Amino acid sequence: MYVTISDFIKELNKESMLTQNVLDSLTDDSLEQLVYPEGRTLGRIAWHLTTNIPEYLVNFGLKIDVVRNAENVPTTAKEIAETFKNVSSYSAKMIEEQWTDETLKQVQIAFGREESNAMIIMGLIKHIVHHRGQVTVLMRQAGIKPFGVYGPPKEDWIHLGVENPPL
């Protein structure tokens, strides 16, 4: 849990950078990769994790602009990646401007239960990480080597002296 806005912003910026690297690796064709026949596409999930950041924050009292036409998934990977870059930096700025360390201690109803604002914004980061994980799996299914988020993808283990990476 976060005690200071500064701690939260540091982690948000780190996770945003990692997510940006993943989104920058997408191709236009990969956006159509399905989770399962009736499921979401990789593009829908990537767009959701992008547009949900300001939507989530609005629900908890921040004055922040949401993404226009969020219901329409872009047809280019570049648009998703650029929008994420803009949304993540803008959202960090809005949090820094509108919340204080004391604001983190305030409690409000979140998803049907009482939560501190610190827990609520930790939930935002977990939401981004959750969907980023889905995106990396779908990238692999679409034939794209995923960016190594917390460690290298299997193709890069050789650079660490491991010829047969563990399963």
N, C-alpha and C. Protein backbone atom coordinates (compact mmCIF):
# COMPACT_ATOMS: atom_id res chain seq x y z
N MET A 1 0.85 -1.17 0.00
CA MET A 1 0.00 0.00 0.00
C MET A 1 0.90 1.24 0.00
N TYR A 2 0.41 2.29 -0.58
CA TYR A 2 1.18 3.52 -0.71
C TYR A 2 0.92 4.44 0.47
N VAL A 3 1.99 5.07 0.94
CA VAL A 3 1.91 6.03 2.03
C VAL A 3 2.04 7.45 1.48
N THR A 4 2.74 7.57 0.34
CA THR A 4 2.91 8.88 -0.27
C THR A 4 2.51 8.83 -1.75
N ILE A 5 2.07 9.96 -2.23
CA ILE A 5 1.77 10.09 -3.66
C ILE A 5 3.04 9.84 -4.48
N SER A 6 4.16 10.30 -3.98
CA SER A 6 5.43 10.12 -4.67
C SER A 6 5.73 8.63 -4.88
N ASP A 7 5.50 7.81 -3.85
CA ASP A 7 5.72 6.37 -3.98
C ASP A 7 4.81 5.77 -5.06
N PHE A 8 3.55 6.18 -5.04
CA PHE A 8 2.62 5.68 -6.05
C PHE A 8 3.06 6.09 -7.45
N ILE A 9 3.41 7.37 -7.63
CA ILE A 9 3.79 7.87 -8.95
C ILE A 9 5.03 7.12 -9.47
N LYS A 10 5.98 6.84 -8.59
CA LYS A 10 7.17 6.08 -9.01
C LYS A 10 6.78 4.71 -9.55
N GLU A 11 5.89 4.03 -8.82
CA GLU A 11 5.49 2.70 -9.28
C GLU A 11 4.62 2.79 -10.53
N LEU A 12 3.71 3.74 -10.58
CA LEU A 12 2.88 3.92 -11.78
C LEU A 12 3.77 4.19 -12.99
N ASN A 13 4.75 5.04 -12.84
CA ASN A 13 5.64 5.35 -13.97
C ASN A 13 6.45 4.12 -14.40
N LYS A 14 6.91 3.33 -13.43
CA LYS A 14 7.66 2.11 -13.76
C LYS A 14 6.77 1.12 -14.51
N GLU A 15 5.57 0.87 -13.98
CA GLU A 15 4.67 -0.08 -14.63
C GLU A 15 4.18 0.45 -15.97
N SER A 16 4.00 1.75 -16.08
CA SER A 16 3.60 2.35 -17.35
C SER A 16 4.69 2.18 -18.40
N MET A 17 5.95 2.33 -18.00
CA MET A 17 7.05 2.15 -18.94
C MET A 17 7.10 0.70 -19.44
N LEU A 18 6.92 -0.25 -18.52
CA LEU A 18 6.92 -1.66 -18.91
C LEU A 18 5.75 -1.96 -19.84
N THR A 19 4.59 -1.40 -19.52
CA THR A 19 3.42 -1.60 -20.37
C THR A 19 3.62 -0.95 -21.73
N GLN A 20 4.23 0.22 -21.75
CA GLN A 20 4.50 0.90 -23.01
C GLN A 20 5.38 0.04 -23.90
N ASN A 21 6.39 -0.59 -23.32
CA ASN A 21 7.27 -1.47 -24.11
C ASN A 21 6.49 -2.63 -24.72
N VAL A 22 5.55 -3.18 -23.96
CA VAL A 22 4.71 -4.26 -24.49
C VAL A 22 3.84 -3.74 -25.63
N LEU A 23 3.16 -2.63 -25.39
CA LEU A 23 2.25 -2.09 -26.42
C LEU A 23 3.00 -1.64 -27.67
N ASP A 24 4.21 -1.15 -27.50
CA ASP A 24 5.01 -0.73 -28.66
C ASP A 24 5.41 -1.91 -29.54
N SER A 25 5.32 -3.12 -29.00
CA SER A 25 5.68 -4.33 -29.76
C SER A 25 4.52 -4.90 -30.57
N LEU A 26 3.32 -4.39 -30.35
CA LEU A 26 2.16 -4.91 -31.07
C LEU A 26 2.22 -4.55 -32.55
N THR A 27 1.59 -5.37 -33.36
CA THR A 27 1.42 -5.07 -34.78
C THR A 27 -0.07 -4.90 -35.05
N ASP A 28 -0.38 -4.27 -36.16
CA ASP A 28 -1.79 -4.10 -36.52
C ASP A 28 -2.49 -5.45 -36.65
N ASP A 29 -1.82 -6.43 -37.28
CA ASP A 29 -2.43 -7.75 -37.45
C ASP A 29 -2.67 -8.44 -36.11
N SER A 30 -1.77 -8.22 -35.15
CA SER A 30 -1.91 -8.90 -33.86
C SER A 30 -3.13 -8.46 -33.08
N LEU A 31 -3.65 -7.28 -33.39
CA LEU A 31 -4.81 -6.76 -32.65
C LEU A 31 -6.03 -7.65 -32.79
N GLU A 32 -6.07 -8.48 -33.83
CA GLU A 32 -7.22 -9.37 -34.07
C GLU A 32 -7.10 -10.72 -33.38
N GLN A 33 -5.98 -10.98 -32.70
CA GLN A 33 -5.80 -12.26 -32.00
C GLN A 33 -6.87 -12.40 -30.92
N LEU A 34 -7.61 -13.50 -30.99
CA LEU A 34 -8.70 -13.75 -30.04
C LEU A 34 -8.20 -14.55 -28.83
N VAL A 35 -8.80 -14.29 -27.69
CA VAL A 35 -8.56 -15.11 -26.50
C VAL A 35 -9.14 -16.50 -26.75
N TYR A 36 -10.37 -16.55 -27.22
CA TYR A 36 -11.08 -17.76 -27.63
C TYR A 36 -12.14 -17.28 -28.62
N PRO A 37 -12.78 -18.18 -29.36
CA PRO A 37 -13.64 -17.74 -30.47
C PRO A 37 -14.65 -16.62 -30.14
N GLU A 38 -15.29 -16.67 -28.98
CA GLU A 38 -16.27 -15.64 -28.65
C GLU A 38 -15.68 -14.55 -27.75
N GLY A 39 -14.38 -14.61 -27.51
CA GLY A 39 -13.75 -13.72 -26.53
C GLY A 39 -13.25 -12.41 -27.11
N ARG A 40 -12.64 -11.65 -26.24
CA ARG A 40 -12.06 -10.37 -26.63
C ARG A 40 -10.85 -10.59 -27.54
N THR A 41 -10.52 -9.55 -28.28
CA THR A 41 -9.30 -9.59 -29.08
C THR A 41 -8.18 -8.94 -28.27
N LEU A 42 -6.96 -9.19 -28.70
CA LEU A 42 -5.80 -8.54 -28.10
C LEU A 42 -5.98 -7.03 -28.17
N GLY A 43 -6.47 -6.53 -29.29
CA GLY A 43 -6.68 -5.09 -29.44
C GLY A 43 -7.68 -4.55 -28.43
N ARG A 44 -8.77 -5.27 -28.20
CA ARG A 44 -9.79 -4.85 -27.23
C ARG A 44 -9.20 -4.80 -25.82
N ILE A 45 -8.40 -5.80 -25.46
CA ILE A 45 -7.81 -5.83 -24.12
C ILE A 45 -6.80 -4.69 -23.96
N ALA A 46 -5.95 -4.49 -24.96
CA ALA A 46 -4.96 -3.41 -24.89
C ALA A 46 -5.65 -2.05 -24.81
N TRP A 47 -6.73 -1.89 -25.56
CA TRP A 47 -7.47 -0.63 -25.56
C TRP A 47 -8.17 -0.44 -24.21
N HIS A 48 -8.72 -1.51 -23.67
CA HIS A 48 -9.38 -1.44 -22.36
C HIS A 48 -8.39 -1.01 -21.28
N LEU A 49 -7.22 -1.61 -21.24
CA LEU A 49 -6.28 -1.23 -20.18
C LEU A 49 -5.84 0.21 -20.35
N THR A 50 -5.88 0.72 -21.56
CA THR A 50 -5.52 2.12 -21.83
C THR A 50 -6.64 3.07 -21.40
N THR A 51 -7.84 2.82 -21.90
CA THR A 51 -8.94 3.74 -21.65
C THR A 51 -9.47 3.65 -20.23
N ASN A 52 -9.25 2.52 -19.57
CA ASN A 52 -9.77 2.34 -18.23
C ASN A 52 -9.05 3.18 -17.18
N ILE A 53 -7.83 3.59 -17.44
CA ILE A 53 -7.08 4.36 -16.45
C ILE A 53 -7.84 5.62 -16.03
N PRO A 54 -8.16 6.53 -16.96
CA PRO A 54 -8.91 7.71 -16.51
C PRO A 54 -10.34 7.39 -16.07
N GLU A 55 -10.99 6.39 -16.70
CA GLU A 55 -12.34 6.01 -16.28
C GLU A 55 -12.35 5.55 -14.83
N TYR A 56 -11.37 4.78 -14.46
CA TYR A 56 -11.21 4.28 -13.09
C TYR A 56 -11.03 5.45 -12.12
N LEU A 57 -10.15 6.37 -12.47
CA LEU A 57 -9.84 7.50 -11.59
C LEU A 57 -11.03 8.44 -11.41
N VAL A 58 -11.81 8.63 -12.46
CA VAL A 58 -13.01 9.48 -12.37
C VAL A 58 -13.95 8.90 -11.32
N ASN A 59 -14.07 7.59 -11.28
CA ASN A 59 -14.97 6.94 -10.32
C ASN A 59 -14.59 7.21 -8.87
N PHE A 60 -13.36 7.61 -8.64
CA PHE A 60 -12.90 7.82 -7.27
C PHE A 60 -12.55 9.27 -6.99
N GLY A 61 -13.19 10.17 -7.76
CA GLY A 61 -13.16 11.58 -7.41
C GLY A 61 -12.15 12.45 -8.11
N LEU A 62 -11.32 11.90 -8.97
CA LEU A 62 -10.39 12.76 -9.69
C LEU A 62 -11.09 13.45 -10.86
N LYS A 63 -10.73 14.69 -11.06
CA LYS A 63 -11.23 15.43 -12.22
C LYS A 63 -10.21 15.19 -13.32
N ILE A 64 -10.62 14.36 -14.28
CA ILE A 64 -9.71 13.93 -15.33
C ILE A 64 -10.53 13.63 -16.58
N ASP A 65 -9.99 13.99 -17.72
CA ASP A 65 -10.66 13.72 -18.99
C ASP A 65 -10.53 12.24 -19.34
N VAL A 66 -11.63 11.64 -19.77
CA VAL A 66 -11.58 10.26 -20.24
C VAL A 66 -11.25 10.26 -21.73
N VAL A 67 -10.91 9.09 -22.24
CA VAL A 67 -10.57 8.94 -23.66
C VAL A 67 -11.86 9.02 -24.47
N ARG A 68 -11.86 9.89 -25.47
CA ARG A 68 -13.03 10.00 -26.36
C ARG A 68 -13.17 8.75 -27.20
N ASN A 69 -14.40 8.38 -27.47
CA ASN A 69 -14.71 7.22 -28.31
C ASN A 69 -14.05 5.94 -27.79
N ALA A 70 -14.00 5.80 -26.47
CA ALA A 70 -13.33 4.65 -25.86
C ALA A 70 -13.97 3.32 -26.25
N GLU A 71 -15.21 3.37 -26.68
CA GLU A 71 -15.89 2.13 -27.07
C GLU A 71 -15.39 1.59 -28.41
N ASN A 72 -14.67 2.41 -29.18
CA ASN A 72 -14.17 2.00 -30.50
C ASN A 72 -12.69 1.66 -30.44
N VAL A 73 -12.39 0.40 -30.63
CA VAL A 73 -10.99 -0.04 -30.61
C VAL A 73 -10.30 0.45 -31.87
N PRO A 74 -9.15 1.12 -31.74
CA PRO A 74 -8.42 1.57 -32.93
C PRO A 74 -7.98 0.38 -33.80
N THR A 75 -7.78 0.64 -35.06
CA THR A 75 -7.34 -0.41 -35.97
C THR A 75 -5.82 -0.48 -36.10
N THR A 76 -5.13 0.47 -35.46
CA THR A 76 -3.67 0.44 -35.51
C THR A 76 -3.08 0.31 -34.12
N ALA A 77 -2.05 -0.51 -34.04
CA ALA A 77 -1.33 -0.70 -32.78
C ALA A 77 -0.68 0.60 -32.34
N LYS A 78 -0.23 1.38 -33.30
CA LYS A 78 0.43 2.65 -32.98
C LYS A 78 -0.52 3.58 -32.22
N GLU A 79 -1.78 3.64 -32.62
CA GLU A 79 -2.73 4.51 -31.93
C GLU A 79 -2.95 4.07 -30.49
N ILE A 80 -3.04 2.77 -30.27
CA ILE A 80 -3.21 2.27 -28.91
C ILE A 80 -1.99 2.64 -28.07
N ALA A 81 -0.80 2.38 -28.60
CA ALA A 81 0.44 2.66 -27.85
C ALA A 81 0.58 4.15 -27.56
N GLU A 82 0.29 5.00 -28.54
CA GLU A 82 0.41 6.45 -28.33
C GLU A 82 -0.63 6.95 -27.32
N THR A 83 -1.83 6.41 -27.40
CA THR A 83 -2.87 6.81 -26.45
C THR A 83 -2.47 6.39 -25.04
N PHE A 84 -1.95 5.18 -24.89
CA PHE A 84 -1.51 4.74 -23.56
C PHE A 84 -0.43 5.68 -23.01
N LYS A 85 0.51 6.03 -23.84
CA LYS A 85 1.60 6.93 -23.41
C LYS A 85 1.01 8.25 -22.88
N ASN A 86 0.09 8.82 -23.63
CA ASN A 86 -0.52 10.09 -23.23
C ASN A 86 -1.39 9.94 -21.99
N VAL A 87 -2.19 8.89 -21.93
CA VAL A 87 -3.10 8.67 -20.81
C VAL A 87 -2.31 8.43 -19.52
N SER A 88 -1.28 7.61 -19.58
CA SER A 88 -0.55 7.28 -18.36
C SER A 88 0.17 8.49 -17.80
N SER A 89 0.80 9.30 -18.64
CA SER A 89 1.51 10.49 -18.12
C SER A 89 0.51 11.54 -17.64
N TYR A 90 -0.59 11.72 -18.36
CA TYR A 90 -1.62 12.68 -17.96
C TYR A 90 -2.25 12.26 -16.63
N SER A 91 -2.53 10.99 -16.47
CA SER A 91 -3.15 10.50 -15.24
C SER A 91 -2.22 10.70 -14.04
N ALA A 92 -0.94 10.42 -14.21
CA ALA A 92 0.02 10.64 -13.12
C ALA A 92 0.03 12.12 -12.73
N LYS A 93 0.01 12.98 -13.72
CA LYS A 93 0.00 14.43 -13.45
C LYS A 93 -1.25 14.84 -12.69
N MET A 94 -2.39 14.32 -13.09
CA MET A 94 -3.65 14.68 -12.43
C MET A 94 -3.68 14.20 -10.97
N ILE A 95 -3.15 13.01 -10.73
CA ILE A 95 -3.09 12.50 -9.36
C ILE A 95 -2.18 13.39 -8.52
N GLU A 96 -1.02 13.72 -9.06
CA GLU A 96 -0.08 14.59 -8.32
C GLU A 96 -0.70 15.95 -8.01
N GLU A 97 -1.48 16.47 -8.94
CA GLU A 97 -2.09 17.79 -8.75
C GLU A 97 -3.28 17.77 -7.80
N GLN A 98 -4.03 16.68 -7.78
CA GLN A 98 -5.29 16.67 -7.06
C GLN A 98 -5.28 15.92 -5.72
N TRP A 99 -4.37 15.00 -5.55
CA TRP A 99 -4.33 14.23 -4.31
C TRP A 99 -3.07 14.54 -3.53
N THR A 100 -3.14 14.37 -2.23
CA THR A 100 -1.99 14.57 -1.34
C THR A 100 -1.75 13.27 -0.58
N ASP A 101 -0.69 13.24 0.19
CA ASP A 101 -0.43 12.06 1.02
C ASP A 101 -1.61 11.80 1.95
N GLU A 102 -2.23 12.85 2.43
CA GLU A 102 -3.39 12.70 3.31
C GLU A 102 -4.60 12.11 2.57
N THR A 103 -4.74 12.45 1.30
CA THR A 103 -5.85 11.93 0.50
C THR A 103 -5.78 10.40 0.44
N LEU A 104 -4.57 9.85 0.46
CA LEU A 104 -4.41 8.40 0.38
C LEU A 104 -5.07 7.68 1.55
N LYS A 105 -5.19 8.34 2.68
CA LYS A 105 -5.77 7.74 3.89
C LYS A 105 -7.29 7.78 3.88
N GLN A 106 -7.87 8.62 3.05
CA GLN A 106 -9.33 8.73 3.02
C GLN A 106 -9.95 7.43 2.53
N VAL A 107 -11.11 7.13 3.07
CA VAL A 107 -11.82 5.88 2.74
C VAL A 107 -13.07 6.22 1.96
N GLN A 108 -13.35 5.42 0.95
CA GLN A 108 -14.58 5.53 0.18
C GLN A 108 -15.01 4.14 -0.27
N ILE A 109 -16.18 4.06 -0.83
CA ILE A 109 -16.69 2.77 -1.30
C ILE A 109 -16.11 2.48 -2.68
N ALA A 110 -15.49 1.33 -2.80
CA ALA A 110 -14.90 0.88 -4.06
C ALA A 110 -15.32 -0.57 -4.29
N PHE A 111 -16.03 -0.78 -5.36
CA PHE A 111 -16.45 -2.13 -5.74
C PHE A 111 -17.24 -2.81 -4.61
N GLY A 112 -18.09 -2.00 -3.95
CA GLY A 112 -18.98 -2.51 -2.93
C GLY A 112 -18.38 -2.67 -1.55
N ARG A 113 -17.15 -2.20 -1.35
CA ARG A 113 -16.56 -2.30 -0.01
C ARG A 113 -15.78 -1.03 0.31
N GLU A 114 -15.54 -0.79 1.58
CA GLU A 114 -14.77 0.38 1.99
C GLU A 114 -13.30 0.14 1.72
N GLU A 115 -12.67 1.10 1.05
CA GLU A 115 -11.25 1.01 0.72
C GLU A 115 -10.63 2.38 0.90
N SER A 116 -9.38 2.40 1.32
CA SER A 116 -8.65 3.67 1.35
C SER A 116 -8.28 4.04 -0.08
N ASN A 117 -8.05 5.30 -0.32
CA ASN A 117 -7.62 5.71 -1.66
C ASN A 117 -6.29 5.05 -2.03
N ALA A 118 -5.45 4.78 -1.04
CA ALA A 118 -4.19 4.09 -1.31
C ALA A 118 -4.46 2.70 -1.89
N MET A 119 -5.42 2.00 -1.33
CA MET A 119 -5.78 0.67 -1.84
C MET A 119 -6.44 0.77 -3.22
N ILE A 120 -7.23 1.79 -3.40
CA ILE A 120 -7.91 1.99 -4.68
C ILE A 120 -6.89 2.20 -5.81
N ILE A 121 -5.89 3.04 -5.57
CA ILE A 121 -4.92 3.27 -6.65
C ILE A 121 -3.96 2.09 -6.82
N MET A 122 -3.76 1.31 -5.74
CA MET A 122 -2.99 0.08 -5.91
C MET A 122 -3.78 -0.86 -6.83
N GLY A 123 -5.11 -0.85 -6.69
CA GLY A 123 -5.95 -1.65 -7.57
C GLY A 123 -5.81 -1.25 -9.03
N LEU A 124 -5.60 0.04 -9.29
CA LEU A 124 -5.38 0.50 -10.66
C LEU A 124 -4.12 -0.14 -11.25
N ILE A 125 -3.06 -0.13 -10.48
CA ILE A 125 -1.81 -0.73 -10.98
C ILE A 125 -2.00 -2.23 -11.20
N LYS A 126 -2.67 -2.89 -10.28
CA LYS A 126 -2.90 -4.33 -10.45
C LYS A 126 -3.75 -4.60 -11.69
N HIS A 127 -4.70 -3.74 -11.97
CA HIS A 127 -5.54 -3.88 -13.16
C HIS A 127 -4.69 -3.78 -14.42
N ILE A 128 -3.80 -2.80 -14.47
CA ILE A 128 -2.91 -2.64 -15.63
C ILE A 128 -2.04 -3.88 -15.80
N VAL A 129 -1.44 -4.35 -14.71
CA VAL A 129 -0.55 -5.51 -14.76
C VAL A 129 -1.32 -6.75 -15.21
N HIS A 130 -2.53 -6.94 -14.69
CA HIS A 130 -3.36 -8.08 -15.07
C HIS A 130 -3.59 -8.12 -16.58
N HIS A 131 -4.04 -7.00 -17.14
CA HIS A 131 -4.32 -6.98 -18.57
C HIS A 131 -3.05 -7.00 -19.41
N ARG A 132 -1.98 -6.44 -18.90
CA ARG A 132 -0.70 -6.52 -19.62
C ARG A 132 -0.28 -7.98 -19.75
N GLY A 133 -0.50 -8.77 -18.71
CA GLY A 133 -0.20 -10.20 -18.78
C GLY A 133 -1.02 -10.89 -19.85
N GLN A 134 -2.30 -10.55 -19.94
CA GLN A 134 -3.13 -11.12 -20.99
C GLN A 134 -2.59 -10.75 -22.37
N VAL A 135 -2.19 -9.50 -22.52
CA VAL A 135 -1.66 -9.02 -23.81
C VAL A 135 -0.41 -9.81 -24.20
N THR A 136 0.48 -10.06 -23.24
CA THR A 136 1.73 -10.77 -23.59
C THR A 136 1.44 -12.21 -24.01
N VAL A 137 0.48 -12.86 -23.39
CA VAL A 137 0.12 -14.22 -23.80
C VAL A 137 -0.46 -14.20 -25.21
N LEU A 138 -1.34 -13.25 -25.49
CA LEU A 138 -1.93 -13.16 -26.82
C LEU A 138 -0.90 -12.77 -27.87
N MET A 139 0.10 -12.00 -27.49
CA MET A 139 1.18 -11.68 -28.43
C MET A 139 1.89 -12.95 -28.85
N ARG A 140 2.18 -13.80 -27.88
CA ARG A 140 2.84 -15.08 -28.19
C ARG A 140 1.96 -15.89 -29.14
N GLN A 141 0.65 -15.94 -28.88
CA GLN A 141 -0.25 -16.69 -29.74
C GLN A 141 -0.32 -16.08 -31.14
N ALA A 142 -0.09 -14.77 -31.24
CA ALA A 142 -0.11 -14.08 -32.54
C ALA A 142 1.24 -14.16 -33.24
N GLY A 143 2.21 -14.85 -32.64
CA GLY A 143 3.51 -15.03 -33.27
C GLY A 143 4.50 -13.90 -33.00
N ILE A 144 4.24 -13.08 -31.98
CA ILE A 144 5.13 -11.98 -31.63
C ILE A 144 5.88 -12.32 -30.35
N LYS A 145 7.19 -12.15 -30.38
CA LYS A 145 7.98 -12.34 -29.16
C LYS A 145 7.61 -11.23 -28.19
N PRO A 146 7.10 -11.57 -27.01
CA PRO A 146 6.72 -10.51 -26.07
C PRO A 146 7.93 -9.84 -25.45
N PHE A 147 7.75 -8.60 -25.07
CA PHE A 147 8.76 -7.87 -24.33
C PHE A 147 8.94 -8.53 -22.97
N GLY A 148 10.16 -8.67 -22.51
CA GLY A 148 10.43 -9.23 -21.19
C GLY A 148 10.11 -8.22 -20.11
N VAL A 149 8.99 -8.38 -19.44
CA VAL A 149 8.53 -7.41 -18.47
C VAL A 149 9.34 -7.50 -17.19
N TYR A 150 9.27 -8.62 -16.47
CA TYR A 150 10.02 -8.78 -15.22
C TYR A 150 11.19 -9.72 -15.38
N GLY A 151 11.37 -10.20 -16.58
CA GLY A 151 12.46 -11.10 -16.92
C GLY A 151 12.41 -11.34 -18.41
N PRO A 152 13.44 -11.98 -18.95
CA PRO A 152 13.50 -12.14 -20.40
C PRO A 152 12.52 -13.18 -20.92
N PRO A 153 12.05 -13.00 -22.17
CA PRO A 153 11.27 -14.06 -22.81
C PRO A 153 12.21 -15.23 -23.12
N LYS A 154 11.66 -16.38 -23.40
CA LYS A 154 12.47 -17.59 -23.57
C LYS A 154 13.57 -17.42 -24.62
N GLU A 155 13.31 -16.64 -25.67
CA GLU A 155 14.31 -16.47 -26.73
C GLU A 155 15.56 -15.74 -26.24
N ASP A 156 15.44 -14.99 -25.18
CA ASP A 156 16.58 -14.20 -24.70
C ASP A 156 17.36 -14.86 -23.57
N TRP A 157 16.94 -16.03 -23.11
CA TRP A 157 17.67 -16.72 -22.05
C TRP A 157 19.09 -17.07 -22.49
N ILE A 158 19.27 -17.33 -23.78
CA ILE A 158 20.60 -17.69 -24.30
C ILE A 158 21.61 -16.60 -24.00
N HIS A 159 21.15 -15.34 -23.99
CA HIS A 159 22.04 -14.21 -23.70
C HIS A 159 22.49 -14.20 -22.24
N LEU A 160 21.79 -14.97 -21.42
CA LEU A 160 22.15 -15.10 -20.00
C LEU A 160 22.94 -16.37 -19.74
N GLY A 161 23.31 -17.07 -20.83
CA GLY A 161 24.08 -18.31 -20.70
C GLY A 161 23.24 -19.54 -20.46
N VAL A 162 21.93 -19.44 -20.66
CA VAL A 162 21.04 -20.58 -20.46
C VAL A 162 20.55 -21.04 -21.82
N GLU A 163 21.02 -22.22 -22.22
CA GLU A 163 20.65 -22.73 -23.53
C GLU A 163 19.26 -23.34 -23.57
N ASN A 164 18.86 -23.99 -22.49
CA ASN A 164 17.55 -24.62 -22.39
C ASN A 164 16.80 -23.99 -21.22
N PRO A 165 16.02 -22.94 -21.48
CA PRO A 165 15.32 -22.29 -20.38
C PRO A 165 14.34 -23.24 -19.69
N PRO A 166 14.16 -23.06 -18.38
CA PRO A 166 13.21 -23.92 -17.69
C PRO A 166 11.79 -23.69 -18.21
N LEU A 167 11.00 -24.71 -18.15
CA LEU A 167 9.61 -24.63 -18.62
C LEU A 167 8.75 -23.90 -17.64
